[in-house]
PDB file of all heavy atoms in Angstrom:
ATOM      1  N   ASP A   1     -77.594 -35.511 164.383  1.00  0.00           N
ATOM      2  CA  ASP A   1     -76.848 -34.283 164.642  1.00  0.00           C
ATOM      3  C   ASP A   1     -75.609 -34.544 165.470  1.00  0.00           C
ATOM      4  O   ASP A   1     -75.376 -35.625 165.964  1.00  0.00           O
ATOM      5  CB  ASP A   1     -77.742 -33.226 165.310  1.00  0.00           C
ATOM      6  CG  ASP A   1     -78.371 -33.737 166.583  1.00  0.00           C
ATOM      7  OD1 ASP A   1     -77.739 -34.583 167.255  1.00  0.00           O
ATOM      8  OD2 ASP A   1     -79.482 -33.299 166.911  1.00  0.00           O
ATOM      9  N   SER A   2     -74.788 -33.488 165.623  1.00  0.00           N
ATOM     10  CA  SER A   2     -73.481 -33.639 166.251  1.00  0.00           C
ATOM     11  C   SER A   2     -73.558 -34.099 167.690  1.00  0.00           C
ATOM     12  O   SER A   2     -72.661 -34.768 168.174  1.00  0.00           O
ATOM     13  CB  SER A   2     -72.725 -32.303 166.180  1.00  0.00           C
ATOM     14  OG  SER A   2     -73.445 -31.291 166.831  1.00  0.00           O
ATOM     15  N   SER A   3     -74.630 -33.746 168.399  1.00  0.00           N
ATOM     16  CA  SER A   3     -74.740 -34.178 169.794  1.00  0.00           C
ATOM     17  C   SER A   3     -74.869 -35.682 169.879  1.00  0.00           C
ATOM     18  O   SER A   3     -74.312 -36.319 170.775  1.00  0.00           O
ATOM     19  CB  SER A   3     -75.936 -33.511 170.475  1.00  0.00           C
ATOM     20  OG  SER A   3     -77.138 -33.903 169.848  1.00  0.00           O
ATOM     21  N   ASP A   4     -75.599 -36.290 168.951  1.00  0.00           N
ATOM     22  CA  ASP A   4     -75.726 -37.736 168.927  1.00  0.00           C
ATOM     23  C   ASP A   4     -74.374 -38.374 168.654  1.00  0.00           C
ATOM     24  O   ASP A   4     -73.971 -39.334 169.308  1.00  0.00           O
ATOM     25  CB  ASP A   4     -76.714 -38.165 167.851  1.00  0.00           C
ATOM     26  CG  ASP A   4     -78.129 -37.721 168.178  1.00  0.00           C
ATOM     27  OD1 ASP A   4     -78.306 -37.189 169.277  1.00  0.00           O
ATOM     28  OD2 ASP A   4     -79.016 -37.908 167.329  1.00  0.00           O
ATOM     29  N   THR A   5     -73.657 -37.836 167.666  1.00  0.00           N
ATOM     30  CA  THR A   5     -72.357 -38.388 167.302  1.00  0.00           C
ATOM     31  C   THR A   5     -71.385 -38.288 168.466  1.00  0.00           C
ATOM     32  O   THR A   5     -70.645 -39.229 168.763  1.00  0.00           O
ATOM     33  CB  THR A   5     -71.783 -37.628 166.089  1.00  0.00           C
ATOM     34  OG1 THR A   5     -72.715 -37.725 165.017  1.00  0.00           O
ATOM     35  CG2 THR A   5     -70.443 -38.214 165.673  1.00  0.00           C
ATOM     36  N   THR A   6     -71.390 -37.135 169.139  1.00  0.00           N
ATOM     37  CA  THR A   6     -70.499 -36.950 170.288  1.00  0.00           C
ATOM     38  C   THR A   6     -70.783 -37.966 171.371  1.00  0.00           C
ATOM     39  O   THR A   6     -69.872 -38.545 171.971  1.00  0.00           O
ATOM     40  CB  THR A   6     -70.666 -35.529 170.859  1.00  0.00           C
ATOM     41  OG1 THR A   6     -70.359 -34.593 169.840  1.00  0.00           O
ATOM     42  CG2 THR A   6     -69.736 -35.315 172.042  1.00  0.00           C
ATOM     43  N   ALA A   7     -72.079 -38.209 171.620  1.00  0.00           N
ATOM     44  CA  ALA A   7     -72.455 -39.170 172.654  1.00  0.00           C
ATOM     45  C   ALA A   7     -71.945 -40.565 172.307  1.00  0.00           C
ATOM     46  O   ALA A   7     -71.426 -41.290 173.158  1.00  0.00           O
ATOM     47  CB  ALA A   7     -73.972 -39.190 172.822  1.00  0.00           C
ATOM     48  N   ARG A   8     -72.067 -40.955 171.041  1.00  0.00           N
ATOM     49  CA  ARG A   8     -71.613 -42.276 170.629  1.00  0.00           C
ATOM     50  C   ARG A   8     -70.087 -42.391 170.756  1.00  0.00           C
ATOM     51  O   ARG A   8     -69.558 -43.422 171.180  1.00  0.00           O
ATOM     52  CB  ARG A   8     -72.049 -42.540 169.185  1.00  0.00           C
ATOM     53  CG  ARG A   8     -73.550 -42.664 169.017  1.00  0.00           C
ATOM     54  CD  ARG A   8     -73.920 -42.851 167.551  1.00  0.00           C
ATOM     55  NE  ARG A   8     -75.362 -42.830 167.356  1.00  0.00           N
ATOM     56  CZ  ARG A   8     -76.128 -43.896 167.439  1.00  0.00           C
ATOM     57  NH1 ARG A   8     -75.599 -45.060 167.732  1.00  0.00           N
ATOM     58  NH2 ARG A   8     -77.441 -43.786 167.244  1.00  0.00           N
ATOM     59  N   VAL A   9     -69.384 -41.306 170.341  1.00  0.00           N
ATOM     60  CA  VAL A   9     -67.921 -41.313 170.441  1.00  0.00           C
ATOM     61  C   VAL A   9     -67.478 -41.449 171.889  1.00  0.00           C
ATOM     62  O   VAL A   9     -66.571 -42.225 172.222  1.00  0.00           O
ATOM     63  CB  VAL A   9     -67.337 -40.019 169.818  1.00  0.00           C
ATOM     64  CG1 VAL A   9     -65.841 -39.920 170.113  1.00  0.00           C
ATOM     65  CG2 VAL A   9     -67.569 -40.022 168.312  1.00  0.00           C
ATOM     66  N   LEU A  10     -68.138 -40.715 172.773  1.00  0.00           N
ATOM     67  CA  LEU A  10     -67.804 -40.809 174.198  1.00  0.00           C
ATOM     68  C   LEU A  10     -68.038 -42.219 174.717  1.00  0.00           C
ATOM     69  O   LEU A  10     -67.283 -42.740 175.545  1.00  0.00           O
ATOM     70  CB  LEU A  10     -68.645 -39.800 174.994  1.00  0.00           C
ATOM     71  CG  LEU A  10     -68.261 -38.328 174.831  1.00  0.00           C
ATOM     72  CD1 LEU A  10     -69.243 -37.448 175.591  1.00  0.00           C
ATOM     73  CD2 LEU A  10     -66.849 -38.081 175.346  1.00  0.00           C
ATOM     74  N   GLY A  11     -69.095 -42.855 174.231  1.00  0.00           N
ATOM     75  CA  GLY A  11     -69.386 -44.220 174.661  1.00  0.00           C
ATOM     76  C   GLY A  11     -68.278 -45.160 174.241  1.00  0.00           C
ATOM     77  O   GLY A  11     -67.830 -46.006 175.014  1.00  0.00           O
ATOM     78  N   VAL A  12     -67.808 -45.024 172.999  1.00  0.00           N
ATOM     79  CA  VAL A  12     -66.722 -45.882 172.508  1.00  0.00           C
ATOM     80  C   VAL A  12     -65.445 -45.634 173.291  1.00  0.00           C
ATOM     81  O   VAL A  12     -64.726 -46.571 173.662  1.00  0.00           O
ATOM     82  CB  VAL A  12     -66.491 -45.627 171.001  1.00  0.00           C
ATOM     83  CG1 VAL A  12     -65.269 -46.396 170.522  1.00  0.00           C
ATOM     84  CG2 VAL A  12     -67.713 -46.052 170.205  1.00  0.00           C
ATOM     85  N   VAL A  13     -65.145 -44.357 173.552  1.00  0.00           N
ATOM     86  CA  VAL A  13     -63.942 -44.013 174.337  1.00  0.00           C
ATOM     87  C   VAL A  13     -64.013 -44.644 175.712  1.00  0.00           C
ATOM     88  O   VAL A  13     -63.037 -45.188 176.228  1.00  0.00           O
ATOM     89  CB  VAL A  13     -63.799 -42.478 174.456  1.00  0.00           C
ATOM     90  CG1 VAL A  13     -62.687 -42.136 175.445  1.00  0.00           C
ATOM     91  CG2 VAL A  13     -63.474 -41.894 173.094  1.00  0.00           C
ATOM     92  N   GLY A  14     -65.189 -44.595 176.319  1.00  0.00           N
ATOM     93  CA  GLY A  14     -65.342 -45.184 177.646  1.00  0.00           C
ATOM     94  C   GLY A  14     -65.074 -46.670 177.626  1.00  0.00           C
ATOM     95  O   GLY A  14     -64.439 -47.224 178.536  1.00  0.00           O
ATOM     96  N   ILE A  15     -65.565 -47.374 176.585  1.00  0.00           N
ATOM     97  CA  ILE A  15     -65.341 -48.816 176.482  1.00  0.00           C
ATOM     98  C   ILE A  15     -63.859 -49.112 176.335  1.00  0.00           C
ATOM     99  O   ILE A  15     -63.319 -50.019 176.967  1.00  0.00           O
ATOM    100  CB  ILE A  15     -66.131 -49.380 175.290  1.00  0.00           C
ATOM    101  CG1 ILE A  15     -67.638 -49.270 175.564  1.00  0.00           C
ATOM    102  CG2 ILE A  15     -65.752 -50.831 175.034  1.00  0.00           C
ATOM    103  CD1 ILE A  15     -68.495 -49.686 174.395  1.00  0.00           C
ATOM    104  N   VAL A  16     -63.183 -48.315 175.470  1.00  0.00           N
ATOM    105  CA  VAL A  16     -61.748 -48.523 175.259  1.00  0.00           C
ATOM    106  C   VAL A  16     -60.982 -48.343 176.563  1.00  0.00           C
ATOM    107  O   VAL A  16     -60.095 -49.125 176.900  1.00  0.00           O
ATOM    108  CB  VAL A  16     -61.214 -47.539 174.186  1.00  0.00           C
ATOM    109  CG1 VAL A  16     -59.691 -47.624 174.106  1.00  0.00           C
ATOM    110  CG2 VAL A  16     -61.829 -47.877 172.840  1.00  0.00           C
ATOM    111  N   VAL A  17     -61.340 -47.305 177.325  1.00  0.00           N
ATOM    112  CA  VAL A  17     -60.666 -47.069 178.612  1.00  0.00           C
ATOM    113  C   VAL A  17     -60.865 -48.246 179.545  1.00  0.00           C
ATOM    114  O   VAL A  17     -59.947 -48.711 180.228  1.00  0.00           O
ATOM    115  CB  VAL A  17     -61.206 -45.774 179.253  1.00  0.00           C
ATOM    116  CG1 VAL A  17     -60.657 -45.624 180.668  1.00  0.00           C
ATOM    117  CG2 VAL A  17     -60.783 -44.563 178.427  1.00  0.00           C
ATOM    118  N   GLY A  18     -62.097 -48.764 179.581  1.00  0.00           N
ATOM    119  CA  GLY A  18     -62.389 -49.887 180.462  1.00  0.00           C
ATOM    120  C   GLY A  18     -61.608 -51.123 180.073  1.00  0.00           C
ATOM    121  O   GLY A  18     -61.029 -51.810 180.916  1.00  0.00           O
ATOM    122  N   VAL A  19     -61.561 -51.440 178.779  1.00  0.00           N
ATOM    123  CA  VAL A  19     -60.829 -52.623 178.312  1.00  0.00           C
ATOM    124  C   VAL A  19     -59.339 -52.486 178.604  1.00  0.00           C
ATOM    125  O   VAL A  19     -58.676 -53.436 179.019  1.00  0.00           O
ATOM    126  CB  VAL A  19     -61.066 -52.826 176.803  1.00  0.00           C
ATOM    127  CG1 VAL A  19     -60.158 -53.918 176.267  1.00  0.00           C
ATOM    128  CG2 VAL A  19     -62.519 -53.190 176.558  1.00  0.00           C
ATOM    129  N   ALA A  20     -58.819 -51.277 178.370  1.00  0.00           N
ATOM    130  CA  ALA A  20     -57.395 -51.052 178.637  1.00  0.00           C
ATOM    131  C   ALA A  20     -57.077 -51.263 180.117  1.00  0.00           C
ATOM    132  O   ALA A  20     -56.048 -51.836 180.477  1.00  0.00           O
ATOM    133  CB  ALA A  20     -57.008 -49.636 178.204  1.00  0.00           C
ATOM    134  N   GLY A  21     -57.974 -50.811 180.979  1.00  0.00           N
ATOM    135  CA  GLY A  21     -57.749 -50.986 182.411  1.00  0.00           C
ATOM    136  C   GLY A  21     -57.734 -52.442 182.807  1.00  0.00           C
ATOM    137  O   GLY A  21     -56.905 -52.894 183.599  1.00  0.00           O
ATOM    138  N   VAL A  22     -58.667 -53.224 182.261  1.00  0.00           N
ATOM    139  CA  VAL A  22     -58.721 -54.658 182.578  1.00  0.00           C
ATOM    140  C   VAL A  22     -57.457 -55.351 182.090  1.00  0.00           C
ATOM    141  O   VAL A  22     -56.860 -56.179 182.779  1.00  0.00           O
ATOM    142  CB  VAL A  22     -59.975 -55.294 181.921  1.00  0.00           C
ATOM    143  CG1 VAL A  22     -59.923 -56.809 182.086  1.00  0.00           C
ATOM    144  CG2 VAL A  22     -61.227 -54.738 182.561  1.00  0.00           C
ATOM    145  N   ALA A  23     -57.043 -55.025 180.840  1.00  0.00           N
ATOM    146  CA  ALA A  23     -55.842 -55.640 180.277  1.00  0.00           C
ATOM    147  C   ALA A  23     -54.611 -55.330 181.122  1.00  0.00           C
ATOM    148  O   ALA A  23     -53.765 -56.197 181.370  1.00  0.00           O
ATOM    149  CB  ALA A  23     -55.636 -55.156 178.843  1.00  0.00           C
ATOM    150  N   TYR A  24     -54.512 -54.092 181.571  1.00  0.00           N
ATOM    151  CA  TYR A  24     -53.377 -53.687 182.399  1.00  0.00           C
ATOM    152  C   TYR A  24     -53.344 -54.487 183.685  1.00  0.00           C
ATOM    153  O   TYR A  24     -52.298 -54.953 184.140  1.00  0.00           O
ATOM    154  CB  TYR A  24     -53.450 -52.201 182.699  1.00  0.00           C
ATOM    155  CG  TYR A  24     -52.284 -51.688 183.533  1.00  0.00           C
ATOM    156  CD1 TYR A  24     -51.064 -51.364 182.930  1.00  0.00           C
ATOM    157  CD2 TYR A  24     -52.400 -51.556 184.906  1.00  0.00           C
ATOM    158  CE1 TYR A  24     -50.007 -50.909 183.691  1.00  0.00           C
ATOM    159  CE2 TYR A  24     -51.348 -51.113 185.674  1.00  0.00           C
ATOM    160  CZ  TYR A  24     -50.144 -50.786 185.064  1.00  0.00           C
ATOM    161  OH  TYR A  24     -49.114 -50.344 185.826  1.00  0.00           O
ATOM    162  N   GLY A  25     -54.514 -54.671 184.275  1.00  0.00           N
ATOM    163  CA  GLY A  25     -54.587 -55.419 185.526  1.00  0.00           C
ATOM    164  C   GLY A  25     -54.158 -56.860 185.331  1.00  0.00           C
ATOM    165  O   GLY A  25     -53.452 -57.443 186.161  1.00  0.00           O
ATOM    166  N   VAL A  26     -54.587 -57.489 184.236  1.00  0.00           N
ATOM    167  CA  VAL A  26     -54.221 -58.883 183.976  1.00  0.00           C
ATOM    168  C   VAL A  26     -52.724 -59.019 183.766  1.00  0.00           C
ATOM    169  O   VAL A  26     -52.072 -59.918 184.300  1.00  0.00           O
ATOM    170  CB  VAL A  26     -54.986 -59.399 182.733  1.00  0.00           C
ATOM    171  CG1 VAL A  26     -54.463 -60.774 182.335  1.00  0.00           C
ATOM    172  CG2 VAL A  26     -56.474 -59.465 183.043  1.00  0.00           C
ATOM    173  N   LEU A  27     -52.140 -58.128 182.954  1.00  0.00           N
ATOM    174  CA  LEU A  27     -50.707 -58.190 182.688  1.00  0.00           C
ATOM    175  C   LEU A  27     -49.890 -57.983 183.964  1.00  0.00           C
ATOM    176  O   LEU A  27     -48.883 -58.659 184.195  1.00  0.00           O
ATOM    177  CB  LEU A  27     -50.329 -57.142 181.638  1.00  0.00           C
ATOM    178  CG  LEU A  27     -50.850 -57.406 180.219  1.00  0.00           C
ATOM    179  CD1 LEU A  27     -50.534 -56.214 179.317  1.00  0.00           C
ATOM    180  CD2 LEU A  27     -50.220 -58.678 179.667  1.00  0.00           C
ATOM    181  N   ALA A  28     -50.352 -57.040 184.786  1.00  0.00           N
ATOM    182  CA  ALA A  28     -49.625 -56.782 186.036  1.00  0.00           C
ATOM    183  C   ALA A  28     -49.661 -58.011 186.937  1.00  0.00           C
ATOM    184  O   ALA A  28     -48.693 -58.360 187.597  1.00  0.00           O
ATOM    185  CB  ALA A  28     -50.232 -55.569 186.737  1.00  0.00           C
ATOM    186  N   GLY A  29     -50.826 -58.683 186.943  1.00  0.00           N
ATOM    187  CA  GLY A  29     -50.943 -59.879 187.770  1.00  0.00           C
ATOM    188  C   GLY A  29     -50.008 -60.990 187.286  1.00  0.00           C
ATOM    189  O   GLY A  29     -49.397 -61.710 188.079  1.00  0.00           O
ATOM    190  N   ARG A  30     -49.878 -61.147 185.969  1.00  0.00           N
ATOM    191  CA  ARG A  30     -49.003 -62.184 185.422  1.00  0.00           C
ATOM    192  C   ARG A  30     -47.549 -61.881 185.740  1.00  0.00           C
ATOM    193  O   ARG A  30     -46.743 -62.800 186.022  1.00  0.00           O
ATOM    194  CB  ARG A  30     -49.186 -62.249 183.908  1.00  0.00           C
ATOM    195  CG  ARG A  30     -50.536 -62.875 183.521  1.00  0.00           C
ATOM    196  CD  ARG A  30     -50.690 -62.933 182.011  1.00  0.00           C
ATOM    197  NE  ARG A  30     -51.918 -63.571 181.628  1.00  0.00           N
ATOM    198  CZ  ARG A  30     -52.331 -63.680 180.366  1.00  0.00           C
ATOM    199  NH1 ARG A  30     -51.569 -63.188 179.370  1.00  0.00           N
ATOM    200  NH2 ARG A  30     -53.484 -64.274 180.086  1.00  0.00           N
ATOM    201  N   ARG A  31     -47.175 -60.591 185.712  1.00  0.00           N
ATOM    202  CA  ARG A  31     -45.790 -60.244 186.031  1.00  0.00           C
ATOM    203  C   ARG A  31     -45.431 -60.604 187.467  1.00  0.00           C
ATOM    204  O   ARG A  31     -44.364 -61.116 187.757  1.00  0.00           O
ATOM    205  CB  ARG A  31     -45.564 -58.750 185.789  1.00  0.00           C
ATOM    206  CG  ARG A  31     -45.569 -58.370 184.318  1.00  0.00           C
ATOM    207  CD  ARG A  31     -45.528 -56.875 184.147  1.00  0.00           C
ATOM    208  NE  ARG A  31     -45.558 -56.510 182.725  1.00  0.00           N
ATOM    209  CZ  ARG A  31     -45.685 -55.257 182.308  1.00  0.00           C
ATOM    210  NH1 ARG A  31     -45.780 -54.252 183.185  1.00  0.00           N
ATOM    211  NH2 ARG A  31     -45.704 -54.993 180.998  1.00  0.00           N
ATOM    212  N   ARG A  32     -46.388 -60.332 188.376  1.00  0.00           N
ATOM    213  CA  ARG A  32     -46.114 -60.657 189.790  1.00  0.00           C
ATOM    214  C   ARG A  32     -45.988 -62.183 189.968  1.00  0.00           C
ATOM    215  O   ARG A  32     -45.183 -62.666 190.752  1.00  0.00           O
ATOM    216  CB  ARG A  32     -47.232 -60.102 190.674  1.00  0.00           C
ATOM    217  CG  ARG A  32     -47.204 -58.583 190.805  1.00  0.00           C
ATOM    218  CD  ARG A  32     -48.035 -58.132 192.024  1.00  0.00           C
ATOM    219  NE  ARG A  32     -49.389 -58.611 191.896  1.00  0.00           N
ATOM    220  CZ  ARG A  32     -50.349 -57.928 191.306  1.00  0.00           C
ATOM    221  NH1 ARG A  32     -50.082 -56.753 190.758  1.00  0.00           N
ATOM    222  NH2 ARG A  32     -51.579 -58.425 191.238  1.00  0.00           N
ATOM    223  N   THR A  33     -46.791 -62.941 189.227  1.00  0.00           N
ATOM    224  CA  THR A  33     -46.773 -64.382 189.362  1.00  0.00           C
ATOM    225  C   THR A  33     -45.467 -64.982 188.850  1.00  0.00           C
ATOM    226  O   THR A  33     -44.888 -65.913 189.426  1.00  0.00           O
ATOM    227  CB  THR A  33     -47.942 -65.009 188.580  1.00  0.00           C
ATOM    228  OG1 THR A  33     -49.156 -64.464 189.075  1.00  0.00           O
ATOM    229  CG2 THR A  33     -47.972 -66.531 188.741  1.00  0.00           C
ATOM    230  N   SER A  34     -44.980 -64.425 187.719  1.00  0.00           N
ATOM    231  CA  SER A  34     -43.764 -64.951 187.115  1.00  0.00           C
ATOM    232  C   SER A  34     -42.502 -64.491 187.816  1.00  0.00           C
ATOM    233  O   SER A  34     -41.405 -64.988 187.552  1.00  0.00           O
ATOM    234  CB  SER A  34     -43.695 -64.553 185.632  1.00  0.00           C
ATOM    235  OG  SER A  34     -43.688 -63.142 185.510  1.00  0.00           O
TER     236      SER A  34
END
């Protein structure tokens, strides 16, 4: 049912947000180093 689907979608969104945050942090660190 839709509640299950919504929960899975939210889980994927959360993972994407987390990965984006890590990537941003790494790029920012490289800019400061260079």
